[in-house]
Amino acid sequence: FNFDFFTTGTAIYWDRYIKENGHWLIRETRYERIYEIN
C-alpha cells in the first residue's frame, strides 16, 4: 500500500534441505516465476 502496488502470479520453487540435530532446514531456495502480473 505504501507504493500503491499489487502483484500476483505463480512460480516454481526448487529447494534443498539438510537435516541437522534431527530437524530439516532449508539449505537452498530458488524460484522462477511462471507468470507475474503487476
Full PDB file with SEQRES, HELIX, SHEET, SSBOND, CRYST1, ORIGX, SCALE, CONECT and MASTER records, all heavy atoms in Angstrom:
SEQRES   1 A   38  PHE ASN PHE ASP PHE PHE THR THR GLY THR ALA ILE TYR          
SEQRES   2 A   38  TRP ASP ARG TYR ILE LYS GLU ASN GLY HIS TRP LEU ILE          
SEQRES   3 A   38  ARG GLU THR ARG TYR GLU ARG ILE TYR GLU ILE ASN              
SHEET    1 AA1 2 THR A   8  GLU A  20  0                                        
SHEET    2 AA1 2 HIS A  23  ILE A  37 -1                                        
CRYST1    1.000    1.000    1.000  90.00  90.00  90.00 P 1           1          
ORIGX1      1.000000  0.000000  0.000000        0.00000                         
ORIGX2      0.000000  1.000000  0.000000        0.00000                         
ORIGX3      0.000000  0.000000  1.000000        0.00000                         
SCALE1      1.000000  0.000000  0.000000        0.00000                         
SCALE2      0.000000  1.000000  0.000000        0.00000                         
SCALE3      0.000000  0.000000  1.000000        0.00000                         
ATOM      1  N   PHE A   1       0.802  -1.223   0.000  1.00  0.00           N  
ATOM      2  CA  PHE A   1       0.000   0.000   0.000  1.00  0.00           C  
ATOM      3  C   PHE A   1       0.834   1.273   0.000  1.00  0.00           C  
ATOM      4  O   PHE A   1       0.430   2.272  -0.588  1.00  0.00           O  
ATOM      5  CB  PHE A   1      -0.971  -0.003   1.181  1.00  0.00           C  
ATOM      6  CG  PHE A   1      -1.963  -1.126   1.108  1.00  0.00           C  
ATOM      7  CD1 PHE A   1      -2.033  -2.055   2.128  1.00  0.00           C  
ATOM      8  CD2 PHE A   1      -2.804  -1.260   0.017  1.00  0.00           C  
ATOM      9  CE1 PHE A   1      -2.939  -3.107   2.057  1.00  0.00           C  
ATOM     10  CE2 PHE A   1      -3.716  -2.306  -0.063  1.00  0.00           C  
ATOM     11  CZ  PHE A   1      -3.783  -3.231   0.958  1.00  0.00           C  
ATOM     12  N   ASN A   2       2.002   1.253   0.630  1.00  0.00           N  
ATOM     13  CA  ASN A   2       2.804   2.476   0.651  1.00  0.00           C  
ATOM     14  C   ASN A   2       3.391   2.792  -0.729  1.00  0.00           C  
ATOM     15  O   ASN A   2       3.874   3.898  -0.955  1.00  0.00           O  
ATOM     16  CB  ASN A   2       3.887   2.420   1.728  1.00  0.00           C  
ATOM     17  CG  ASN A   2       4.838   1.246   1.567  1.00  0.00           C  
ATOM     18  OD1 ASN A   2       4.409   0.134   1.259  1.00  0.00           O  
ATOM     19  ND2 ASN A   2       6.103   1.475   1.806  1.00  0.00           N  
ATOM     20  N   PHE A   3       3.336   1.850  -1.657  1.00  0.00           N  
ATOM     21  CA  PHE A   3       3.732   2.104  -3.044  1.00  0.00           C  
ATOM     22  C   PHE A   3       2.548   1.956  -4.009  1.00  0.00           C  
ATOM     23  O   PHE A   3       2.740   1.962  -5.223  1.00  0.00           O  
ATOM     24  CB  PHE A   3       4.872   1.172  -3.476  1.00  0.00           C  
ATOM     25  CG  PHE A   3       6.187   1.519  -2.840  1.00  0.00           C  
ATOM     26  CD1 PHE A   3       6.723   0.699  -1.854  1.00  0.00           C  
ATOM     27  CD2 PHE A   3       6.880   2.661  -3.215  1.00  0.00           C  
ATOM     28  CE1 PHE A   3       7.932   1.015  -1.260  1.00  0.00           C  
ATOM     29  CE2 PHE A   3       8.092   2.978  -2.626  1.00  0.00           C  
ATOM     30  CZ  PHE A   3       8.625   2.163  -1.641  1.00  0.00           C  
ATOM     31  N   ASP A   4       1.338   1.769  -3.472  1.00  0.00           N  
ATOM     32  CA  ASP A   4       0.126   1.609  -4.294  1.00  0.00           C  
ATOM     33  C   ASP A   4       0.329   0.569  -5.391  1.00  0.00           C  
ATOM     34  O   ASP A   4       0.107   0.818  -6.571  1.00  0.00           O  
ATOM     35  CB  ASP A   4      -0.285   2.961  -4.917  1.00  0.00           C  
ATOM     36  CG  ASP A   4      -0.658   3.980  -3.872  1.00  0.00           C  
ATOM     37  OD1 ASP A   4      -1.301   3.590  -2.879  1.00  0.00           O  
ATOM     38  OD2 ASP A   4      -0.298   5.158  -4.037  1.00  0.00           O  
ATOM     39  N   PHE A   5       0.733  -0.637  -4.956  1.00  0.00           N  
ATOM     40  CA  PHE A   5       1.142  -1.660  -5.895  1.00  0.00           C  
ATOM     41  C   PHE A   5       0.570  -3.017  -5.505  1.00  0.00           C  
ATOM     42  O   PHE A   5       0.456  -3.341  -4.324  1.00  0.00           O  
ATOM     43  CB  PHE A   5       2.677  -1.729  -5.887  1.00  0.00           C  
ATOM     44  CG  PHE A   5       3.280  -2.264  -7.135  1.00  0.00           C  
ATOM     45  CD1 PHE A   5       3.260  -1.522  -8.300  1.00  0.00           C  
ATOM     46  CD2 PHE A   5       3.884  -3.512  -7.144  1.00  0.00           C  
ATOM     47  CE1 PHE A   5       3.833  -2.017  -9.469  1.00  0.00           C  
ATOM     48  CE2 PHE A   5       4.449  -4.009  -8.304  1.00  0.00           C  
ATOM     49  CZ  PHE A   5       4.433  -3.265  -9.459  1.00  0.00           C  
ATOM     50  N   PHE A   6       0.227  -3.830  -6.519  1.00  0.00           N  
ATOM     51  CA  PHE A   6      -0.292  -5.184  -6.321  1.00  0.00           C  
ATOM     52  C   PHE A   6       0.414  -6.120  -7.295  1.00  0.00           C  
ATOM     53  O   PHE A   6       0.559  -5.812  -8.475  1.00  0.00           O  
ATOM     54  CB  PHE A   6      -1.800  -5.225  -6.568  1.00  0.00           C  
ATOM     55  CG  PHE A   6      -2.383  -6.607  -6.557  1.00  0.00           C  
ATOM     56  CD1 PHE A   6      -2.492  -7.316  -5.375  1.00  0.00           C  
ATOM     57  CD2 PHE A   6      -2.817  -7.202  -7.728  1.00  0.00           C  
ATOM     58  CE1 PHE A   6      -3.032  -8.599  -5.357  1.00  0.00           C  
ATOM     59  CE2 PHE A   6      -3.362  -8.481  -7.725  1.00  0.00           C  
ATOM     60  CZ  PHE A   6      -3.462  -9.176  -6.533  1.00  0.00           C  
ATOM     61  N   THR A   7       0.862  -7.254  -6.784  1.00  0.00           N  
ATOM     62  CA  THR A   7       1.499  -8.290  -7.602  1.00  0.00           C  
ATOM     63  C   THR A   7       0.796  -9.614  -7.348  1.00  0.00           C  
ATOM     64  O   THR A   7       0.492  -9.948  -6.204  1.00  0.00           O  
ATOM     65  CB  THR A   7       2.993  -8.436  -7.247  1.00  0.00           C  
ATOM     66  OG1 THR A   7       3.658  -7.212  -7.505  1.00  0.00           O  
ATOM     67  CG2 THR A   7       3.655  -9.540  -8.064  1.00  0.00           C  
ATOM     68  N   THR A   8       0.564 -10.362  -8.413  1.00  0.00           N  
ATOM     69  CA  THR A   8       0.043 -11.726  -8.288  1.00  0.00           C  
ATOM     70  C   THR A   8       0.749 -12.591  -9.325  1.00  0.00           C  
ATOM     71  O   THR A   8       1.266 -12.085 -10.325  1.00  0.00           O  
ATOM     72  CB  THR A   8      -1.489 -11.782  -8.473  1.00  0.00           C  
ATOM     73  OG1 THR A   8      -1.931 -13.115  -8.155  1.00  0.00           O  
ATOM     74  CG2 THR A   8      -1.917 -11.436  -9.880  1.00  0.00           C  
ATOM     75  N   GLY A   9       0.766 -13.886  -9.059  1.00  0.00           N  
ATOM     76  CA  GLY A   9       1.389 -14.786 -10.022  1.00  0.00           C  
ATOM     77  C   GLY A   9       1.612 -16.167  -9.456  1.00  0.00           C  
ATOM     78  O   GLY A   9       1.070 -16.532  -8.404  1.00  0.00           O  
ATOM     79  N   THR A  10       2.424 -16.908 -10.179  1.00  0.00           N  
ATOM     80  CA  THR A  10       2.825 -18.241  -9.749  1.00  0.00           C  
ATOM     81  C   THR A  10       4.319 -18.391 -10.001  1.00  0.00           C  
ATOM     82  O   THR A  10       4.911 -17.630 -10.772  1.00  0.00           O  
ATOM     83  CB  THR A  10       2.065 -19.350 -10.510  1.00  0.00           C  
ATOM     84  OG1 THR A  10       2.385 -19.275 -11.897  1.00  0.00           O  
ATOM     85  CG2 THR A  10       0.561 -19.244 -10.312  1.00  0.00           C  
ATOM     86  N   ALA A  11       4.901 -19.366  -9.348  1.00  0.00           N  
ATOM     87  CA  ALA A  11       6.326 -19.648  -9.518  1.00  0.00           C  
ATOM     88  C   ALA A  11       6.566 -21.109  -9.153  1.00  0.00           C  
ATOM     89  O   ALA A  11       5.739 -21.741  -8.491  1.00  0.00           O  
ATOM     90  CB  ALA A  11       7.170 -18.738  -8.627  1.00  0.00           C  
ATOM     91  N   ILE A  12       7.707 -21.595  -9.575  1.00  0.00           N  
ATOM     92  CA  ILE A  12       8.161 -22.921  -9.152  1.00  0.00           C  
ATOM     93  C   ILE A  12       9.364 -22.722  -8.243  1.00  0.00           C  
ATOM     94  O   ILE A  12      10.323 -22.039  -8.594  1.00  0.00           O  
ATOM     95  CB  ILE A  12       8.577 -23.803 -10.356  1.00  0.00           C  
ATOM     96  CG1 ILE A  12       7.412 -23.973 -11.348  1.00  0.00           C  
ATOM     97  CG2 ILE A  12       9.100 -25.163  -9.880  1.00  0.00           C  
ATOM     98  CD1 ILE A  12       6.236 -24.753 -10.839  1.00  0.00           C  
ATOM     99  N   TYR A  13       9.272 -23.298  -7.027  1.00  0.00           N  
ATOM    100  CA  TYR A  13      10.390 -23.329  -6.078  1.00  0.00           C  
ATOM    101  C   TYR A  13      11.183 -24.616  -6.271  1.00  0.00           C  
ATOM    102  O   TYR A  13      10.596 -25.691  -6.429  1.00  0.00           O  
ATOM    103  CB  TYR A  13       9.863 -23.370  -4.643  1.00  0.00           C  
ATOM    104  CG  TYR A  13       9.650 -22.064  -3.951  1.00  0.00           C  
ATOM    105  CD1 TYR A  13       8.417 -21.434  -3.996  1.00  0.00           C  
ATOM    106  CD2 TYR A  13      10.667 -21.480  -3.195  1.00  0.00           C  
ATOM    107  CE1 TYR A  13       8.190 -20.247  -3.308  1.00  0.00           C  
ATOM    108  CE2 TYR A  13      10.447 -20.296  -2.511  1.00  0.00           C  
ATOM    109  CZ  TYR A  13       9.218 -19.685  -2.577  1.00  0.00           C  
ATOM    110  OH  TYR A  13       8.987 -18.519  -1.898  1.00  0.00           O  
ATOM    111  N   TRP A  14      12.491 -24.495  -6.206  1.00  0.00           N  
ATOM    112  CA  TRP A  14      13.398 -25.639  -6.133  1.00  0.00           C  
ATOM    113  C   TRP A  14      14.194 -25.469  -4.852  1.00  0.00           C  
ATOM    114  O   TRP A  14      14.949 -24.506  -4.709  1.00  0.00           O  
ATOM    115  CB  TRP A  14      14.348 -25.692  -7.318  1.00  0.00           C  
ATOM    116  CG  TRP A  14      13.668 -25.939  -8.629  1.00  0.00           C  
ATOM    117  CD1 TRP A  14      13.377 -27.152  -9.191  1.00  0.00           C  
ATOM    118  CD2 TRP A  14      13.205 -24.956  -9.568  1.00  0.00           C  
ATOM    119  NE1 TRP A  14      12.749 -26.983 -10.400  1.00  0.00           N  
ATOM    120  CE2 TRP A  14      12.633 -25.633 -10.660  1.00  0.00           C  
ATOM    121  CE3 TRP A  14      13.206 -23.556  -9.588  1.00  0.00           C  
ATOM    122  CZ2 TRP A  14      12.090 -24.988 -11.749  1.00  0.00           C  
ATOM    123  CZ3 TRP A  14      12.660 -22.896 -10.671  1.00  0.00           C  
ATOM    124  CH2 TRP A  14      12.110 -23.606 -11.726  1.00  0.00           C  
ATOM    125  N   ASP A  15      14.007 -26.365  -3.902  1.00  0.00           N  
ATOM    126  CA  ASP A  15      14.661 -26.277  -2.598  1.00  0.00           C  
ATOM    127  C   ASP A  15      15.602 -27.448  -2.375  1.00  0.00           C  
ATOM    128  O   ASP A  15      15.391 -28.545  -2.902  1.00  0.00           O  
ATOM    129  CB  ASP A  15      13.616 -26.299  -1.470  1.00  0.00           C  
ATOM    130  CG  ASP A  15      12.757 -25.052  -1.397  1.00  0.00           C  
ATOM    131  OD1 ASP A  15      13.093 -24.038  -2.041  1.00  0.00           O  
ATOM    132  OD2 ASP A  15      11.745 -25.102  -0.675  1.00  0.00           O  
ATOM    133  N   ARG A  16      16.617 -27.192  -1.541  1.00  0.00           N  
ATOM    134  CA  ARG A  16      17.482 -28.242  -0.999  1.00  0.00           C  
ATOM    135  C   ARG A  16      17.360 -28.154   0.515  1.00  0.00           C  
ATOM    136  O   ARG A  16      17.353 -27.064   1.075  1.00  0.00           O  
ATOM    137  CB  ARG A  16      18.931 -28.070  -1.416  1.00  0.00           C  
ATOM    138  CG  ARG A  16      19.132 -28.241  -2.917  1.00  0.00           C  
ATOM    139  CD  ARG A  16      20.599 -28.340  -3.299  1.00  0.00           C  
ATOM    140  NE  ARG A  16      21.212 -29.583  -2.873  1.00  0.00           N  
ATOM    141  CZ  ARG A  16      21.065 -30.766  -3.466  1.00  0.00           C  
ATOM    142  NH1 ARG A  16      20.285 -30.883  -4.514  1.00  0.00           N  
ATOM    143  NH2 ARG A  16      21.685 -31.835  -3.015  1.00  0.00           N  
ATOM    144  N   TYR A  17      17.274 -29.307   1.145  1.00  0.00           N  
ATOM    145  CA  TYR A  17      17.114 -29.381   2.591  1.00  0.00           C  
ATOM    146  C   TYR A  17      18.267 -30.183   3.185  1.00  0.00           C  
ATOM    147  O   TYR A  17      18.800 -31.088   2.550  1.00  0.00           O  
ATOM    148  CB  TYR A  17      15.796 -30.072   2.957  1.00  0.00           C  
ATOM    149  CG  TYR A  17      14.597 -29.464   2.273  1.00  0.00           C  
ATOM    150  CD1 TYR A  17      14.071 -30.032   1.120  1.00  0.00           C  
ATOM    151  CD2 TYR A  17      14.007 -28.310   2.762  1.00  0.00           C  
ATOM    152  CE1 TYR A  17      12.989 -29.476   0.472  1.00  0.00           C  
ATOM    153  CE2 TYR A  17      12.912 -27.743   2.124  1.00  0.00           C  
ATOM    154  CZ  TYR A  17      12.417 -28.326   0.980  1.00  0.00           C  
ATOM    155  OH  TYR A  17      11.342 -27.763   0.335  1.00  0.00           O  
ATOM    156  N   ILE A  18      18.597 -29.829   4.407  1.00  0.00           N  
ATOM    157  CA  ILE A  18      19.610 -30.562   5.154  1.00  0.00           C  
ATOM    158  C   ILE A  18      19.041 -30.850   6.539  1.00  0.00           C  
ATOM    159  O   ILE A  18      18.330 -30.011   7.103  1.00  0.00           O  
ATOM    160  CB  ILE A  18      20.941 -29.774   5.213  1.00  0.00           C  
ATOM    161  CG1 ILE A  18      22.056 -30.630   5.774  1.00  0.00           C  
ATOM    162  CG2 ILE A  18      20.786 -28.483   5.982  1.00  0.00           C  
ATOM    163  CD1 ILE A  18      23.438 -30.054   5.518  1.00  0.00           C  
ATOM    164  N   LYS A  19      19.342 -32.024   7.058  1.00  0.00           N  
ATOM    165  CA  LYS A  19      18.844 -32.401   8.382  1.00  0.00           C  
ATOM    166  C   LYS A  19      19.989 -32.248   9.383  1.00  0.00           C  
ATOM    167  O   LYS A  19      21.040 -32.877   9.230  1.00  0.00           O  
ATOM    168  CB  LYS A  19      18.337 -33.850   8.367  1.00  0.00           C  
ATOM    169  CG  LYS A  19      17.524 -34.233   9.575  1.00  0.00           C  
ATOM    170  CD  LYS A  19      16.962 -35.634   9.379  1.00  0.00           C  
ATOM    171  CE  LYS A  19      15.903 -35.970  10.381  1.00  0.00           C  
ATOM    172  NZ  LYS A  19      15.390 -37.349  10.140  1.00  0.00           N  
ATOM    173  N   GLU A  20      19.764 -31.381  10.379  1.00  0.00           N  
ATOM    174  CA  GLU A  20      20.750 -31.156  11.433  1.00  0.00           C  
ATOM    175  C   GLU A  20      20.079 -31.333  12.785  1.00  0.00           C  
ATOM    176  O   GLU A  20      18.995 -30.790  13.016  1.00  0.00           O  
ATOM    177  CB  GLU A  20      21.340 -29.746  11.338  1.00  0.00           C  
ATOM    178  CG  GLU A  20      22.262 -29.548  10.169  1.00  0.00           C  
ATOM    179  CD  GLU A  20      22.955 -28.193  10.167  1.00  0.00           C  
ATOM    180  OE1 GLU A  20      22.563 -27.313  10.975  1.00  0.00           O  
ATOM    181  OE2 GLU A  20      23.866 -28.013   9.355  1.00  0.00           O  
ATOM    182  N   ASN A  21      20.720 -32.092  13.651  1.00  0.00           N  
ATOM    183  CA  ASN A  21      20.196 -32.318  15.011  1.00  0.00           C  
ATOM    184  C   ASN A  21      18.745 -32.791  14.982  1.00  0.00           C  
ATOM    185  O   ASN A  21      17.922 -32.372  15.800  1.00  0.00           O  
ATOM    186  CB  ASN A  21      20.338 -31.057  15.867  1.00  0.00           C  
ATOM    187  CG  ASN A  21      21.773 -30.594  15.978  1.00  0.00           C  
ATOM    188  OD1 ASN A  21      22.675 -31.406  16.185  1.00  0.00           O  
ATOM    189  ND2 ASN A  21      21.994 -29.304  15.831  1.00  0.00           N  
ATOM    190  N   GLY A  22      18.417 -33.631  13.997  1.00  0.00           N  
ATOM    191  CA  GLY A  22      17.090 -34.225  13.903  1.00  0.00           C  
ATOM    192  C   GLY A  22      16.031 -33.343  13.266  1.00  0.00           C  
ATOM    193  O   GLY A  22      14.871 -33.735  13.221  1.00  0.00           O  
ATOM    194  N   HIS A  23      16.403 -32.137  12.763  1.00  0.00           N  
ATOM    195  CA  HIS A  23      15.436 -31.210  12.173  1.00  0.00           C  
ATOM    196  C   HIS A  23      15.846 -30.843  10.749  1.00  0.00           C  
ATOM    197  O   HIS A  23      17.015 -30.548  10.492  1.00  0.00           O  
ATOM    198  CB  HIS A  23      15.330 -29.923  13.006  1.00  0.00           C  
ATOM    199  CG  HIS A  23      14.863 -30.168  14.397  1.00  0.00           C  
ATOM    200  ND1 HIS A  23      13.548 -30.429  14.711  1.00  0.00           N  
ATOM    201  CD2 HIS A  23      15.543 -30.204  15.565  1.00  0.00           C  
ATOM    202  CE1 HIS A  23      13.435 -30.622  16.006  1.00  0.00           C  
ATOM    203  NE2 HIS A  23      14.629 -30.483  16.554  1.00  0.00           N  
ATOM    204  N   TRP A  24      14.870 -30.829   9.861  1.00  0.00           N  
ATOM    205  CA  TRP A  24      15.108 -30.413   8.489  1.00  0.00           C  
ATOM    206  C   TRP A  24      15.171 -28.894   8.417  1.00  0.00           C  
ATOM    207  O   TRP A  24      14.374 -28.205   9.054  1.00  0.00           O  
ATOM    208  CB  TRP A  24      14.017 -30.939   7.566  1.00  0.00           C  
ATOM    209  CG  TRP A  24      14.132 -32.403   7.324  1.00  0.00           C  
ATOM    210  CD1 TRP A  24      13.417 -33.395   7.933  1.00  0.00           C  
ATOM    211  CD2 TRP A  24      15.038 -33.050   6.435  1.00  0.00           C  
ATOM    212  NE1 TRP A  24      13.819 -34.614   7.472  1.00  0.00           N  
ATOM    213  CE2 TRP A  24      14.818 -34.436   6.541  1.00  0.00           C  
ATOM    214  CE3 TRP A  24      16.016 -32.604   5.551  1.00  0.00           C  
ATOM    215  CZ2 TRP A  24      15.541 -35.372   5.806  1.00  0.00           C  
ATOM    216  CZ3 TRP A  24      16.740 -33.528   4.811  1.00  0.00           C  
ATOM    217  CH2 TRP A  24      16.487 -34.895   4.945  1.00  0.00           C  
ATOM    218  N   LEU A  25      16.125 -28.376   7.642  1.00  0.00           N  
ATOM    219  CA  LEU A  25      16.306 -26.947   7.423  1.00  0.00           C  
ATOM    220  C   LEU A  25      16.375 -26.672   5.928  1.00  0.00           C  
ATOM    221  O   LEU A  25      16.833 -27.524   5.151  1.00  0.00           O  
ATOM    222  CB  LEU A  25      17.612 -26.456   8.052  1.00  0.00           C  
ATOM    223  CG  LEU A  25      17.762 -26.632   9.556  1.00  0.00           C  
ATOM    224  CD1 LEU A  25      19.187 -26.301   9.982  1.00  0.00           C  
ATOM    225  CD2 LEU A  25      16.765 -25.762  10.293  1.00  0.00           C  
ATOM    226  N   ILE A  26      15.969 -25.504   5.525  1.00  0.00           N  
ATOM    227  CA  ILE A  26      16.107 -25.086   4.131  1.00  0.00           C  
ATOM    228  C   ILE A  26      17.546 -24.624   3.930  1.00  0.00           C  
ATOM    229  O   ILE A  26      17.993 -23.668   4.557  1.00  0.00           O  
ATOM    230  CB  ILE A  26      15.102 -23.968   3.787  1.00  0.00           C  
ATOM    231  CG1 ILE A  26      13.667 -24.459   3.988  1.00  0.00           C  
ATOM    232  CG2 ILE A  26      15.325 -23.476   2.354  1.00  0.00           C  
ATOM    233  CD1 ILE A  26      12.611 -23.356   3.935  1.00  0.00           C  
ATOM    234  N   ARG A  27      18.270 -25.319   3.071  1.00  0.00           N  
ATOM    235  CA  ARG A  27      19.680 -25.002   2.796  1.00  0.00           C  
ATOM    236  C   ARG A  27      19.825 -24.119   1.559  1.00  0.00           C  
ATOM    237  O   ARG A  27      20.720 -23.312   1.447  1.00  0.00           O  
ATOM    238  CB  ARG A  27      20.477 -26.304   2.611  1.00  0.00           C  
ATOM    239  CG  ARG A  27      21.927 -26.130   2.244  1.00  0.00           C  
ATOM    240  CD  ARG A  27      22.678 -25.438   3.376  1.00  0.00           C  
ATOM    241  NE  ARG A  27      24.067 -25.271   3.084  1.00  0.00           N  
ATOM    242  CZ  ARG A  27      24.610 -24.195   2.501  1.00  0.00           C  
ATOM    243  NH1 ARG A  27      23.849 -23.201   2.105  1.00  0.00           N  
ATOM    244  NH2 ARG A  27      25.890 -24.104   2.311  1.00  0.00           N  
ATOM    245  N   GLU A  28      18.896 -24.309   0.607  1.00  0.00           N  
ATOM    246  CA  GLU A  28      18.886 -23.508  -0.621  1.00  0.00           C  
ATOM    247  C   GLU A  28      17.442 -23.385  -1.075  1.00  0.00           C  
ATOM    248  O   GLU A  28      16.691 -24.359  -1.034  1.00  0.00           O  
ATOM    249  CB  GLU A  28      19.710 -24.193  -1.704  1.00  0.00           C  
ATOM    250  CG  GLU A  28      19.778 -23.450  -3.004  1.00  0.00           C  
ATOM    251  CD  GLU A  28      20.651 -24.155  -4.046  1.00  0.00           C  
ATOM    252  OE1 GLU A  28      21.532 -24.955  -3.670  1.00  0.00           O  
ATOM    253  OE2 GLU A  28      20.416 -23.909  -5.232  1.00  0.00           O  
ATOM    254  N   THR A  29      17.060 -22.201  -1.501  1.00  0.00           N  
ATOM    255  CA  THR A  29      15.714 -21.993  -2.023  1.00  0.00           C  
ATOM    256  C   THR A  29      15.793 -21.078  -3.233  1.00  0.00           C  
ATOM    257  O   THR A  29      16.414 -20.023  -3.179  1.00  0.00           O  
ATOM    258  CB  THR A  29      14.737 -21.466  -0.944  1.00  0.00           C  
ATOM    259  OG1 THR A  29      13.422 -21.389  -1.493  1.00  0.00           O  
ATOM    260  CG2 THR A  29      15.145 -20.132  -0.371  1.00  0.00           C  
ATOM    261  N   ARG A  30      15.215 -21.543  -4.322  1.00  0.00           N  
ATOM    262  CA  ARG A  30      15.209 -20.778  -5.571  1.00  0.00           C  
ATOM    263  C   ARG A  30      13.799 -20.817  -6.126  1.00  0.00           C  
ATOM    264  O   ARG A  30      13.077 -21.782  -5.933  1.00  0.00           O  
ATOM    265  CB  ARG A  30      16.133 -21.415  -6.617  1.00  0.00           C  
ATOM    266  CG  ARG A  30      17.568 -21.522  -6.219  1.00  0.00           C  
ATOM    267  CD  ARG A  30      18.429 -22.173  -7.309  1.00  0.00           C  
ATOM    268  NE  ARG A  30      18.124 -23.594  -7.478  1.00  0.00           N  
ATOM    269  CZ  ARG A  30      17.687 -24.162  -8.609  1.00  0.00           C  
ATOM    270  NH1 ARG A  30      17.482 -23.447  -9.688  1.00  0.00           N  
ATOM    271  NH2 ARG A  30      17.454 -25.448  -8.665  1.00  0.00           N  
ATOM    272  N   TYR A  31      13.407 -19.750  -6.818  1.00  0.00           N  
ATOM    273  CA  TYR A  31      12.194 -19.844  -7.611  1.00  0.00           C  
ATOM    274  C   TYR A  31      12.335 -19.008  -8.864  1.00  0.00           C  
ATOM    275  O   TYR A  31      13.148 -18.094  -8.946  1.00  0.00           O  
ATOM    276  CB  TYR A  31      10.914 -19.513  -6.846  1.00  0.00           C  
ATOM    277  CG  TYR A  31      10.604 -18.071  -6.521  1.00  0.00           C  
ATOM    278  CD1 TYR A  31      10.485 -17.089  -7.514  1.00  0.00           C  
ATOM    279  CD2 TYR A  31      10.354 -17.689  -5.216  1.00  0.00           C  
ATOM    280  CE1 TYR A  31      10.153 -15.781  -7.205  1.00  0.00           C  
ATOM    281  CE2 TYR A  31      10.023 -16.376  -4.901  1.00  0.00           C  
ATOM    282  CZ  TYR A  31       9.923 -15.433  -5.895  1.00  0.00           C  
ATOM    283  OH  TYR A  31       9.602 -14.136  -5.592  1.00  0.00           O  
ATOM    284  N   GLU A  32      11.540 -19.387  -9.840  1.00  0.00           N  
ATOM    285  CA  GLU A  32      11.396 -18.603 -11.061  1.00  0.00           C  
ATOM    286  C   GLU A  32       9.909 -18.500 -11.349  1.00  0.00           C  
ATOM    287  O   GLU A  32       9.161 -19.471 -11.228  1.00  0.00           O  
ATOM    288  CB  GLU A  32      12.117 -19.252 -12.233  1.00  0.00           C  
ATOM    289  CG  GLU A  32      12.110 -18.377 -13.470  1.00  0.00           C  
ATOM    290  CD  GLU A  32      13.026 -18.864 -14.570  1.00  0.00           C  
ATOM    291  OE1 GLU A  32      13.872 -19.742 -14.325  1.00  0.00           O  
ATOM    292  OE2 GLU A  32      12.873 -18.366 -15.698  1.00  0.00           O  
ATOM    293  N   ARG A  33       9.490 -17.307 -11.712  1.00  0.00           N  
ATOM    294  CA  ARG A  33       8.077 -17.061 -11.981  1.00  0.00           C  
ATOM    295  C   ARG A  33       7.606 -17.792 -13.232  1.00  0.00           C  
ATOM    296  O   ARG A  33       8.293 -17.816 -14.244  1.00  0.00           O  
ATOM    297  CB  ARG A  33       7.820 -15.565 -12.192  1.00  0.00           C  
ATOM    298  CG  ARG A  33       7.879 -14.738 -10.943  1.00  0.00           C  
ATOM    299  CD  ARG A  33       6.649 -14.953 -10.130  1.00  0.00           C  
ATOM    300  NE  ARG A  33       6.554 -13.979  -9.058  1.00  0.00           N  
ATOM    301  CZ  ARG A  33       5.563 -13.969  -8.199  1.00  0.00           C  
ATOM    302  NH1 ARG A  33       4.573 -14.825  -8.299  1.00  0.00           N  
ATOM    303  NH2 ARG A  33       5.526 -13.086  -7.247  1.00  0.00           N  
ATOM    304  N   ILE A  34       6.409 -18.364 -13.148  1.00  0.00           N  
ATOM    305  CA  ILE A  34       5.694 -18.875 -14.312  1.00  0.00           C  
ATOM    306  C   ILE A  34       4.995 -17.691 -14.974  1.00  0.00           C  
ATOM    307  O   ILE A  34       5.050 -17.517 -16.175  1.00  0.00           O  
ATOM    308  CB  ILE A  34       4.664 -19.950 -13.910  1.00  0.00           C  
ATOM    309  CG1 ILE A  34       5.355 -21.123 -13.214  1.00  0.00           C  
ATOM    310  CG2 ILE A  34       3.858 -20.412 -15.114  1.00  0.00           C  
ATOM    311  CD1 ILE A  34       6.376 -21.863 -14.057  1.00  0.00           C  
ATOM    312  N   TYR A  35       4.334 -16.883 -14.144  1.00  0.00           N  
ATOM    313  CA  TYR A  35       3.817 -15.597 -14.621  1.00  0.00           C  
ATOM    314  C   TYR A  35       3.761 -14.645 -13.441  1.00  0.00           C  
ATOM    315  O   TYR A  35       3.730 -15.057 -12.282  1.00  0.00           O  
ATOM    316  CB  TYR A  35       2.445 -15.732 -15.305  1.00  0.00           C  
ATOM    317  CG  TYR A  35       1.268 -15.893 -14.377  1.00  0.00           C  
ATOM    318  CD1 TYR A  35       0.586 -14.788 -13.870  1.00  0.00           C  
ATOM    319  CD2 TYR A  35       0.826 -17.162 -14.014  1.00  0.00           C  
ATOM    320  CE1 TYR A  35      -0.497 -14.938 -13.029  1.00  0.00           C  
ATOM    321  CE2 TYR A  35      -0.254 -17.319 -13.162  1.00  0.00           C  
ATOM    322  CZ  TYR A  35      -0.906 -16.203 -12.674  1.00  0.00           C  
ATOM    323  OH  TYR A  35      -1.981 -16.354 -11.831  1.00  0.00           O  
ATOM    324  N   GLU A  36       3.780 -13.359 -13.767  1.00  0.00           N  
ATOM    325  CA  GLU A  36       3.700 -12.309 -12.757  1.00  0.00           C  
ATOM    326  C   GLU A  36       2.921 -11.146 -13.346  1.00  0.00           C  
ATOM    327  O   GLU A  36       3.207 -10.715 -14.460  1.00  0.00           O  
ATOM    328  CB  GLU A  36       5.110 -11.858 -12.375  1.00  0.00           C  
ATOM    329  CG  GLU A  36       5.168 -10.747 -11.358  1.00  0.00           C  
ATOM    330  CD  GLU A  36       6.607 -10.363 -11.050  1.00  0.00           C  
ATOM    331  OE1 GLU A  36       7.272 -11.135 -10.333  1.00  0.00           O  
ATOM    332  OE2 GLU A  36       7.061  -9.319 -11.549  1.00  0.00           O  
ATOM    333  N   ILE A  37       1.934 -10.683 -12.606  1.00  0.00           N  
ATOM    334  CA  ILE A  37       1.140  -9.523 -13.024  1.00  0.00           C  
ATOM    335  C   ILE A  37       1.335  -8.438 -11.967  1.00  0.00           C  
ATOM    336  O   ILE A  37       1.101  -8.681 -10.780  1.00  0.00           O  
ATOM    337  CB  ILE A  37      -0.352  -9.884 -13.164  1.00  0.00           C  
ATOM    338  CG1 ILE A  37      -0.543 -10.969 -14.222  1.00  0.00           C  
ATOM    339  CG2 ILE A  37      -1.172  -8.641 -13.491  1.00  0.00           C  
ATOM    340  CD1 ILE A  37      -1.943 -11.573 -14.256  1.00  0.00           C  
ATOM    341  N   ASN A  38       1.772  -7.277 -12.407  1.00  0.00           N  
ATOM    342  CA  ASN A  38       1.984  -6.134 -11.523  1.00  0.00           C  
ATOM    343  C   ASN A  38       1.018  -5.038 -11.931  1.00  0.00           C  
ATOM    344  O   ASN A  38       0.921  -4.710 -13.111  1.00  0.00           O  
ATOM    345  CB  ASN A  38       3.422  -5.624 -11.635  1.00  0.00           C  
ATOM    346  CG  ASN A  38       4.416  -6.668 -11.191  1.00  0.00           C  
ATOM    347  OD1 ASN A  38       4.418  -7.067 -10.049  1.00  0.00           O  
ATOM    348  ND2 ASN A  38       5.242  -7.127 -12.115  1.00  0.00           N  
TER     349      ASN A  38                                                      
MASTER        0    0    0    0    2    0    0    6  348    1    0    3          
END                                                                             
